[in-house]
PDB file of N, CA and C in Angstrom:
ATOM      1  N   UNK A   1       0.577  -1.341  -0.002  1.00  0.00           N
ATOM      2  CA  UNK A   1      -0.460  -0.108   0.072  1.00  0.00           C
ATOM      3  C   UNK A   1       1.159   1.006  -0.027  1.00  0.00           C
ATOM      4  N   UNK A   2       0.527   2.204  -0.765  1.00  0.00           N
ATOM      5  CA  UNK A   2       1.539   3.076  -0.916  1.00  0.00           C
ATOM      6  C   UNK A   2       1.060   4.190   0.100  1.00  0.00           C
ATOM      7  N   UNK A   3       1.876   4.578   0.430  1.00  0.00           N
ATOM      8  CA  UNK A   3       2.036   6.573   2.103  1.00  0.00           C
ATOM      9  C   UNK A   3       1.782   7.458   0.810  1.00  0.00           C
ATOM     10  N   UNK A   4       0.527   7.520   0.690  1.00  0.00           N
ATOM     11  CA  UNK A   4       0.837   8.843  -0.075  1.00  0.00           C
ATOM     12  C   UNK A   4      -1.002   9.981   0.171  1.00  0.00           C
ATOM     13  N   UNK A   5      -0.499  10.792   0.247  1.00  0.00           N
ATOM     14  CA  UNK A   5      -1.488  12.026   0.243  1.00  0.00           C
ATOM     15  C   UNK A   5      -2.345  12.536  -0.640  1.00  0.00           C
ATOM     16  N   UNK A   6      -3.238  13.315  -1.242  1.00  0.00           N
ATOM     17  CA  UNK A   6      -3.556  13.485  -1.692  1.00  0.00           C
ATOM     18  C   UNK A   6      -3.881  14.824  -1.846  1.00  0.00           C
ATOM     19  N   UNK A   7      -3.233  16.303  -2.327  1.00  0.00           N
ATOM     20  CA  UNK A   7      -2.962  17.498  -2.318  1.00  0.00           C
ATOM     21  C   UNK A   7      -4.227  18.443  -3.602  1.00  0.00           C
ATOM     22  N   UNK A   8      -4.071  19.094  -2.529  1.00  0.00           N
ATOM     23  CA  UNK A   8      -5.320  20.407  -3.584  1.00  0.00           C
ATOM     24  C   UNK A   8      -4.216  21.238  -3.484  1.00  0.00           C
ATOM     25  N   UNK A   9      -4.690  22.090  -4.197  1.00  0.00           N
ATOM     26  CA  UNK A   9      -4.499  23.220  -4.813  1.00  0.00           C
ATOM     27  C   UNK A   9      -4.636  24.618  -5.991  1.00  0.00           C
ATOM     28  N   UNK A  10      -4.576  25.490  -5.084  1.00  0.00           N
ATOM     29  CA  UNK A  10      -6.186  26.645  -5.610  1.00  0.00           C
ATOM     30  C   UNK A  10      -4.781  28.144  -5.703  1.00  0.00           C
ATOM     31  N   UNK A  11      -5.949  28.727  -6.698  1.00  0.00           N
ATOM     32  CA  UNK A  11      -4.491  29.820  -7.095  1.00  0.00           C
ATOM     33  C   UNK A  11      -3.659  29.875  -7.718  1.00  0.00           C
ATOM     34  N   UNK A  12      -2.636  31.055  -6.265  1.00  0.00           N
ATOM     35  CA  UNK A  12      -1.206  30.692  -7.502  1.00  0.00           C
ATOM     36  C   UNK A  12      -0.277  29.768  -7.578  1.00  0.00           C
ATOM     37  N   UNK A  13      -0.358  28.725  -6.170  1.00  0.00           N
ATOM     38  CA  UNK A  13      -0.039  26.793  -6.310  1.00  0.00           C
ATOM     39  C   UNK A  13      -0.438  26.242  -7.008  1.00  0.00           C
ATOM     40  N   UNK A  14      -1.442  26.789  -7.817  1.00  0.00           N
ATOM     41  CA  UNK A  14      -2.203  25.622  -9.154  1.00  0.00           C
ATOM     42  C   UNK A  14      -1.335  25.928 -10.190  1.00  0.00           C
ATOM     43  N   UNK A  15      -1.405  27.248  -9.627  1.00  0.00           N
ATOM     44  CA  UNK A  15      -0.498  28.135 -11.741  1.00  0.00           C
ATOM     45  C   UNK A  15       1.370  27.390 -11.287  1.00  0.00           C
ATOM     46  N   UNK A  16       1.538  27.380 -10.002  1.00  0.00           N
ATOM     47  CA  UNK A  16       3.216  27.011 -10.298  1.00  0.00           C
ATOM     48  C   UNK A  16       3.205  26.001 -10.430  1.00  0.00           C
ATOM     49  N   UNK A  17       1.922  24.763 -10.003  1.00  0.00           N
ATOM     50  CA  UNK A  17       2.202  22.996  -9.253  1.00  0.00           C
ATOM     51  C   UNK A  17       1.645  22.515 -11.464  1.00  0.00           C
ATOM     52  N   UNK A  18       0.542  23.043 -11.597  1.00  0.00           N
ATOM     53  CA  UNK A  18       0.231  23.018 -12.648  1.00  0.00           C
ATOM     54  C   UNK A  18      -1.216  22.039 -13.051  1.00  0.00           C
ATOM     55  N   UNK A  19      -1.247  22.324 -11.560  1.00  0.00           N
ATOM     56  CA  UNK A  19      -3.322  21.060 -11.861  1.00  0.00           C
ATOM     57  C   UNK A  19      -3.774  21.420 -10.535  1.00  0.00           C
ATOM     58  N   UNK A  20      -4.912  20.986 -10.440  1.00  0.00           N
ATOM     59  CA  UNK A  20      -5.959  21.313  -9.113  1.00  0.00           C
ATOM     60  C   UNK A  20      -5.578  20.347  -8.017  1.00  0.00           C
ATOM     61  N   UNK A  21      -5.441  18.880  -8.553  1.00  0.00           N
ATOM     62  CA  UNK A  21      -5.086  17.404  -7.694  1.00  0.00           C
ATOM     63  C   UNK A  21      -3.687  17.149  -8.012  1.00  0.00           C
ATOM     64  N   UNK A  22      -2.765  16.523  -6.927  1.00  0.00           N
ATOM     65  CA  UNK A  22      -2.331  15.221  -6.488  1.00  0.00           C
ATOM     66  C   UNK A  22      -1.772  14.537  -5.911  1.00  0.00           C
ATOM     67  N   UNK A  23      -1.063  13.390  -6.234  1.00  0.00           N
ATOM     68  CA  UNK A  23      -1.389  12.264  -5.504  1.00  0.00           C
ATOM     69  C   UNK A  23       0.878  12.640  -4.882  1.00  0.00           C
ATOM     70  N   UNK A  24       0.906  12.904  -2.970  1.00  0.00           N
ATOM     71  CA  UNK A  24       1.798  13.391  -3.176  1.00  0.00           C
ATOM     72  C   UNK A  24       2.445  11.962  -2.240  1.00  0.00           C
ATOM     73  N   UNK A  25       4.113  11.206  -2.234  1.00  0.00           N
ATOM     74  CA  UNK A  25       4.548  10.248  -1.597  1.00  0.00           C
ATOM     75  C   UNK A  25       4.663  10.912  -0.557  1.00  0.00           C
ATOM     76  N   UNK A  26       4.024  10.396   0.394  1.00  0.00           N
ATOM     77  CA  UNK A  26       5.148  11.370   2.020  1.00  0.00           C
ATOM     78  C   UNK A  26       6.739   9.904   2.205  1.00  0.00           C
ATOM     79  N   UNK A  27       7.401  11.310   3.145  1.00  0.00           N
ATOM     80  CA  UNK A  27       9.078  10.694   3.475  1.00  0.00           C
ATOM     81  C   UNK A  27       8.738   9.843   4.015  1.00  0.00           C
ATOM     82  N   UNK A  28       7.873   9.836   5.124  1.00  0.00           N
ATOM     83  CA  UNK A  28       8.123   9.174   5.887  1.00  0.00           C
ATOM     84  C   UNK A  28       6.573   8.138   6.214  1.00  0.00           C
ATOM     85  N   UNK A  29       6.271   7.434   6.836  1.00  0.00           N
ATOM     86  CA  UNK A  29       4.621   6.920   6.665  1.00  0.00           C
ATOM     87  C   UNK A  29       3.854   7.717   7.375  1.00  0.00           C
ATOM     88  N   UNK A  30       4.978   8.796   8.537  1.00  0.00           N
ATOM     89  CA  UNK A  30       3.273   9.457   9.134  1.00  0.00           C
ATOM     90  C   UNK A  30       4.385  10.668   9.094  1.00  0.00           C
ATOM     91  N   UNK A  31       4.715  11.999   9.015  1.00  0.00           N
ATOM     92  CA  UNK A  31       5.569  12.868   8.729  1.00  0.00           C
ATOM     93  C   UNK A  31       3.986  13.927   9.210  1.00  0.00           C
ATOM     94  N   UNK A  32       4.935  15.491   8.808  1.00  0.00           N
ATOM     95  CA  UNK A  32       4.586  16.403   9.719  1.00  0.00           C
ATOM     96  C   UNK A  32       3.953  17.552   8.624  1.00  0.00           C
ATOM     97  N   UNK A  33       3.156  18.508   9.076  1.00  0.00           N
ATOM     98  CA  UNK A  33       3.123  19.416   7.887  1.00  0.00           C
ATOM     99  C   UNK A  33       4.317  19.278   7.222  1.00  0.00           C
ATOM    100  N   UNK A  34       5.091  20.115   8.266  1.00  0.00           N
ATOM    101  CA  UNK A  34       6.632  21.099   7.479  1.00  0.00           C
ATOM    102  C   UNK A  34       7.471  20.317   6.909  1.00  0.00           C
ATOM    103  N   UNK A  35       7.211  18.629   6.953  1.00  0.00           N
ATOM    104  CA  UNK A  35       8.068  17.578   6.081  1.00  0.00           C
ATOM    105  C   UNK A  35       7.600  17.054   5.303  1.00  0.00           C
ATOM    106  N   UNK A  36       6.207  17.545   4.596  1.00  0.00           N
ATOM    107  CA  UNK A  36       5.759  17.115   3.970  1.00  0.00           C
ATOM    108  C   UNK A  36       5.706  18.256   2.977  1.00  0.00           C
ATOM    109  N   UNK A  37       5.938  19.434   3.094  1.00  0.00           N
ATOM    110  CA  UNK A  37       5.351  21.209   2.803  1.00  0.00           C
ATOM    111  C   UNK A  37       7.557  20.664   1.924  1.00  0.00           C
ATOM    112  N   UNK A  38       8.016  20.602   2.186  1.00  0.00           N
ATOM    113  CA  UNK A  38       9.563  20.327   2.481  1.00  0.00           C
ATOM    114  C   UNK A  38       9.335  19.613   0.777  1.00  0.00           C
ATOM    115  N   UNK A  39       8.958  18.257   1.090  1.00  0.00           N
ATOM    116  CA  UNK A  39       8.385  16.865   0.380  1.00  0.00           C
ATOM    117  C   UNK A  39       8.403  17.503  -1.399  1.00  0.00           C
ATOM    118  N   UNK A  40       6.575  18.128  -0.734  1.00  0.00           N
ATOM    119  CA  UNK A  40       5.891  18.896  -1.953  1.00  0.00           C
ATOM    120  C   UNK A  40       7.279  20.264  -2.642  1.00  0.00           C
ATOM    121  N   UNK A  41       8.141  21.069  -1.987  1.00  0.00           N
ATOM    122  CA  UNK A  41       8.969  21.957  -2.901  1.00  0.00           C
ATOM    123  C   UNK A  41      10.170  21.452  -3.625  1.00  0.00           C
ATOM    124  N   UNK A  42      10.162  19.887  -3.075  1.00  0.00           N
ATOM    125  CA  UNK A  42      11.587  19.401  -4.178  1.00  0.00           C
ATOM    126  C   UNK A  42      10.565  18.957  -5.344  1.00  0.00           C
ATOM    127  N   UNK A  43       9.447  18.255  -4.895  1.00  0.00           N
ATOM    128  CA  UNK A  43       8.922  18.061  -6.134  1.00  0.00           C
ATOM    129  C   UNK A  43       8.745  19.322  -7.816  1.00  0.00           C
ATOM    130  N   UNK A  44       8.024  20.460  -6.595  1.00  0.00           N
ATOM    131  CA  UNK A  44       8.078  22.290  -7.283  1.00  0.00           C
ATOM    132  C   UNK A  44       9.191  23.096  -6.812  1.00  0.00           C
ATOM    133  N   UNK A  45       9.858  22.682  -6.732  1.00  0.00           N
ATOM    134  CA  UNK A  45      11.031  23.746  -6.809  1.00  0.00           C
ATOM    135  C   UNK A  45      10.404  25.105  -6.903  1.00  0.00           C
ATOM    136  N   UNK A  46       9.367  25.471  -7.614  1.00  0.00           N
ATOM    137  CA  UNK A  46       9.246  27.306  -8.241  1.00  0.00           C
ATOM    138  C   UNK A  46       8.535  27.620  -7.099  1.00  0.00           C
ATOM    139  N   UNK A  47       7.370  26.013  -5.954  1.00  0.00           N
ATOM    140  CA  UNK A  47       7.018  27.195  -5.175  1.00  0.00           C
ATOM    141  C   UNK A  47       7.582  27.111  -4.212  1.00  0.00           C
ATOM    142  N   UNK A  48       9.140  26.972  -3.404  1.00  0.00           N
ATOM    143  CA  UNK A  48       9.303  27.201  -2.665  1.00  0.00           C
ATOM    144  C   UNK A  48       9.617  28.867  -1.813  1.00  0.00           C
ATOM    145  N   UNK A  49       9.498  29.282  -3.144  1.00  0.00           N
ATOM    146  CA  UNK A  49       9.514  31.462  -2.551  1.00  0.00           C
ATOM    147  C   UNK A  49       8.432  31.833  -1.870  1.00  0.00           C
ATOM    148  N   UNK A  50       7.190  30.625  -2.468  1.00  0.00           N
ATOM    149  CA  UNK A  50       6.332  31.429  -2.071  1.00  0.00           C
ATOM    150  C   UNK A  50       5.617  29.918  -0.840  1.00  0.00           C
ATOM    151  N   UNK A  51       6.797  29.141  -0.236  1.00  0.00           N
ATOM    152  CA  UNK A  51       6.148  29.021   0.829  1.00  0.00           C
ATOM    153  C   UNK A  51       5.399  29.220   2.283  1.00  0.00           C
ATOM    154  N   UNK A  52       6.308  30.916   2.495  1.00  0.00           N
ATOM    155  CA  UNK A  52       5.857  30.923   3.342  1.00  0.00           C
ATOM    156  C   UNK A  52       4.826  31.789   3.809  1.00  0.00           C
ATOM    157  N   UNK A  53       3.927  32.173   2.498  1.00  0.00           N
ATOM    158  CA  UNK A  53       2.738  32.622   2.546  1.00  0.00           C
ATOM    159  C   UNK A  53       2.112  31.843   1.818  1.00  0.00           C
ATOM    160  N   UNK A  54       2.149  30.253   2.009  1.00  0.00           N
ATOM    161  CA  UNK A  54       0.837  29.474   2.068  1.00  0.00           C
ATOM    162  C   UNK A  54       0.823  28.583   3.487  1.00  0.00           C
ATOM    163  N   UNK A  55      -0.939  28.083   3.548  1.00  0.00           N
ATOM    164  CA  UNK A  55      -1.130  27.939   4.363  1.00  0.00           C
ATOM    165  C   UNK A  55      -2.076  26.406   3.989  1.00  0.00           C
ATOM    166  N   UNK A  56      -1.770  24.609   4.862  1.00  0.00           N
ATOM    167  CA  UNK A  56      -1.678  23.957   4.992  1.00  0.00           C
ATOM    168  C   UNK A  56      -3.004  23.382   5.818  1.00  0.00           C
ATOM    169  N   UNK A  57      -4.048  22.799   4.218  1.00  0.00           N
ATOM    170  CA  UNK A  57      -5.714  22.389   5.869  1.00  0.00           C
ATOM    171  C   UNK A  57      -5.341  20.963   5.692  1.00  0.00           C
ATOM    172  N   UNK A  58      -5.051  19.909   6.638  1.00  0.00           N
ATOM    173  CA  UNK A  58      -5.425  18.870   6.776  1.00  0.00           C
ATOM    174  C   UNK A  58      -6.739  18.547   6.608  1.00  0.00           C
ATOM    175  N   UNK A  59      -7.487  17.200   5.478  1.00  0.00           N
ATOM    176  CA  UNK A  59      -8.241  16.678   5.967  1.00  0.00           C
ATOM    177  C   UNK A  59     -10.052  19.124   6.472  1.00  0.00           C
ATOM    178  N   UNK A  60      -9.457  19.272   6.188  1.00  0.00           N
ATOM    179  CA  UNK A  60     -10.290  19.835   6.196  1.00  0.00           C
ATOM    180  C   UNK A  60     -10.496  21.850   7.772  1.00  0.00           C
ATOM    181  N   UNK A  61      -8.621  21.362   8.329  1.00  0.00           N
ATOM    182  CA  UNK A  61      -8.652  22.367   9.518  1.00  0.00           C
ATOM    183  C   UNK A  61      -7.372  22.479   8.976  1.00  0.00           C
ATOM    184  N   UNK A  62      -7.376  23.930   9.066  1.00  0.00           N
ATOM    185  CA  UNK A  62      -6.301  24.264   8.775  1.00  0.00           C
ATOM    186  C   UNK A  62      -4.555  23.535   9.515  1.00  0.00           C
ATOM    187  N   UNK A  63      -3.701  23.067   9.455  1.00  0.00           N
ATOM    188  CA  UNK A  63      -2.759  22.338  10.045  1.00  0.00           C
ATOM    189  C   UNK A  63      -1.588  23.245  10.797  1.00  0.00           C
ATOM    190  N   UNK A  64      -0.712  23.597  11.686  1.00  0.00           N
ATOM    191  CA  UNK A  64      -0.043  24.190  12.051  1.00  0.00           C
ATOM    192  C   UNK A  64       1.498  23.321  11.715  1.00  0.00           C
ATOM    193  N   UNK A  65       2.428  24.448  11.558  1.00  0.00           N
ATOM    194  CA  UNK A  65       3.728  22.925  10.620  1.00  0.00           C
ATOM    195  C   UNK A  65       4.101  21.923  11.447  1.00  0.00           C
ATOM    196  N   UNK A  66       3.444  21.764  12.644  1.00  0.00           N
ATOM    197  CA  UNK A  66       4.275  20.399  13.442  1.00  0.00           C
ATOM    198  C   UNK A  66       2.824  19.430  13.361  1.00  0.00           C
ATOM    199  N   UNK A  67       1.673  19.719  12.536  1.00  0.00           N
ATOM    200  CA  UNK A  67       0.877  18.696  12.670  1.00  0.00           C
ATOM    201  C   UNK A  67       1.069  17.157  11.963  1.00  0.00           C
ATOM    202  N   UNK A  68       1.069  16.417  12.517  1.00  0.00           N
ATOM    203  CA  UNK A  68       0.862  14.784  12.002  1.00  0.00           C
ATOM    204  C   UNK A  68      -0.168  14.486  10.248  1.00  0.00           C
ATOM    205  N   UNK A  69       0.444  14.305   9.695  1.00  0.00           N
ATOM    206  CA  UNK A  69      -0.096  14.110   7.878  1.00  0.00           C
ATOM    207  C   UNK A  69       0.474  12.407   7.956  1.00  0.00           C
ATOM    208  N   UNK A  70      -1.105  11.646   7.461  1.00  0.00           N
ATOM    209  CA  UNK A  70      -0.290  10.265   6.928  1.00  0.00           C
ATOM    210  C   UNK A  70      -1.315   9.952   5.868  1.00  0.00           C
ATOM    211  N   UNK A  71      -1.271   8.491   5.845  1.00  0.00           N
ATOM    212  CA  UNK A  71      -1.384   8.223   4.691  1.00  0.00           C
ATOM    213  C   UNK A  71      -2.648   8.520   4.742  1.00  0.00           C
ATOM    214  N   UNK A  72      -3.176   8.678   3.317  1.00  0.00           N
ATOM    215  CA  UNK A  72      -4.839   9.420   3.427  1.00  0.00           C
ATOM    216  C   UNK A  72      -4.793  10.210   3.408  1.00  0.00           C
ATOM    217  N   UNK A  73      -4.897  10.847   3.669  1.00  0.00           N
ATOM    218  CA  UNK A  73      -5.036  12.289   4.429  1.00  0.00           C
ATOM    219  C   UNK A  73      -5.300  12.920   2.848  1.00  0.00           C
ATOM    220  N   UNK A  74      -5.775  14.521   3.361  1.00  0.00           N
ATOM    221  CA  UNK A  74      -6.455  14.892   2.107  1.00  0.00           C
ATOM    222  C   UNK A  74      -5.909  16.719   2.338  1.00  0.00           C
ATOM    223  N   UNK A  75      -4.524  17.079   1.972  1.00  0.00           N
ATOM    224  CA  UNK A  75      -4.086  17.890   2.032  1.00  0.00           C
ATOM    225  C   UNK A  75      -4.599  19.714   1.485  1.00  0.00           C
ATOM    226  N   UNK A  76      -4.284  20.504   1.752  1.00  0.00           N
ATOM    227  CA  UNK A  76      -4.687  21.620   0.833  1.00  0.00           C
ATOM    228  C   UNK A  76      -3.866  22.881   0.650  1.00  0.00           C
ATOM    229  N   UNK A  77      -3.431  22.844  -0.620  1.00  0.00           N
ATOM    230  CA  UNK A  77      -2.357  24.392  -0.436  1.00  0.00           C
ATOM    231  C   UNK A  77      -3.195  25.423  -0.232  1.00  0.00           C
ATOM    232  N   UNK A  78      -3.256  26.652   0.557  1.00  0.00           N
ATOM    233  CA  UNK A  78      -4.104  27.672   0.441  1.00  0.00           C
ATOM    234  C   UNK A  78      -2.943  29.310   0.850  1.00  0.00           C
ATOM    235  N   UNK A  79      -3.264  28.937  -1.179  1.00  0.00           N
ATOM    236  CA  UNK A  79      -1.712  31.299  -1.119  1.00  0.00           C
ATOM    237  C   UNK A  79      -2.748  31.938  -0.367  1.00  0.00           C
ATOM    238  N   UNK A  80      -1.687  32.764  -0.162  1.00  0.00           N
ATOM    239  CA  UNK A  80      -3.131  34.666   0.951  1.00  0.00           C
ATOM    240  C   UNK A  80      -4.262  34.281  -0.198  1.00  0.00           C
ATOM    241  N   UNK A  81      -5.597  35.370   0.332  1.00  0.00           N
ATOM    242  CA  UNK A  81      -6.177  35.235  -0.298  1.00  0.00           C
ATOM    243  C   UNK A  81      -6.394  37.174  -0.634  1.00  0.00           C
ATOM    244  N   UNK A  82      -6.672  37.961  -1.829  1.00  0.00           N
ATOM    245  CA  UNK A  82      -6.592  39.079  -1.591  1.00  0.00           C
ATOM    246  C   UNK A  82      -8.168  39.039  -2.840  1.00  0.00           C
ATOM    247  N   UNK A  83      -8.227  40.356  -1.891  1.00  0.00           N
ATOM    248  CA  UNK A  83      -9.939  41.018  -2.925  1.00  0.00           C
ATOM    249  C   UNK A  83     -10.686  42.355  -2.252  1.00  0.00           C
ATOM    250  N   UNK A  84     -12.078  42.700  -2.863  1.00  0.00           N
ATOM    251  CA  UNK A  84     -11.953  44.090  -1.780  1.00  0.00           C
ATOM    252  C   UNK A  84     -13.322  43.671  -2.199  1.00  0.00           C
TER     253      UNK A  84
END
């Protein structure tokens, strides 16, 4: 069984990654949000400069960098929202 998560991308993150959804292998069967973001940035280096502004949600809940991510989770990359 694969240790992967579904990653949803929005707005600028989607522009950089080039798709709305992708499967990403976890660096370990259980890892942190920060470790997963490291892996995503390794796959998509153009995303790295935007990393400080991107929030992550795990299974519909905003997650801190140390929060756990496990196989089968759904992770969303949420860039800053602008509007008026």
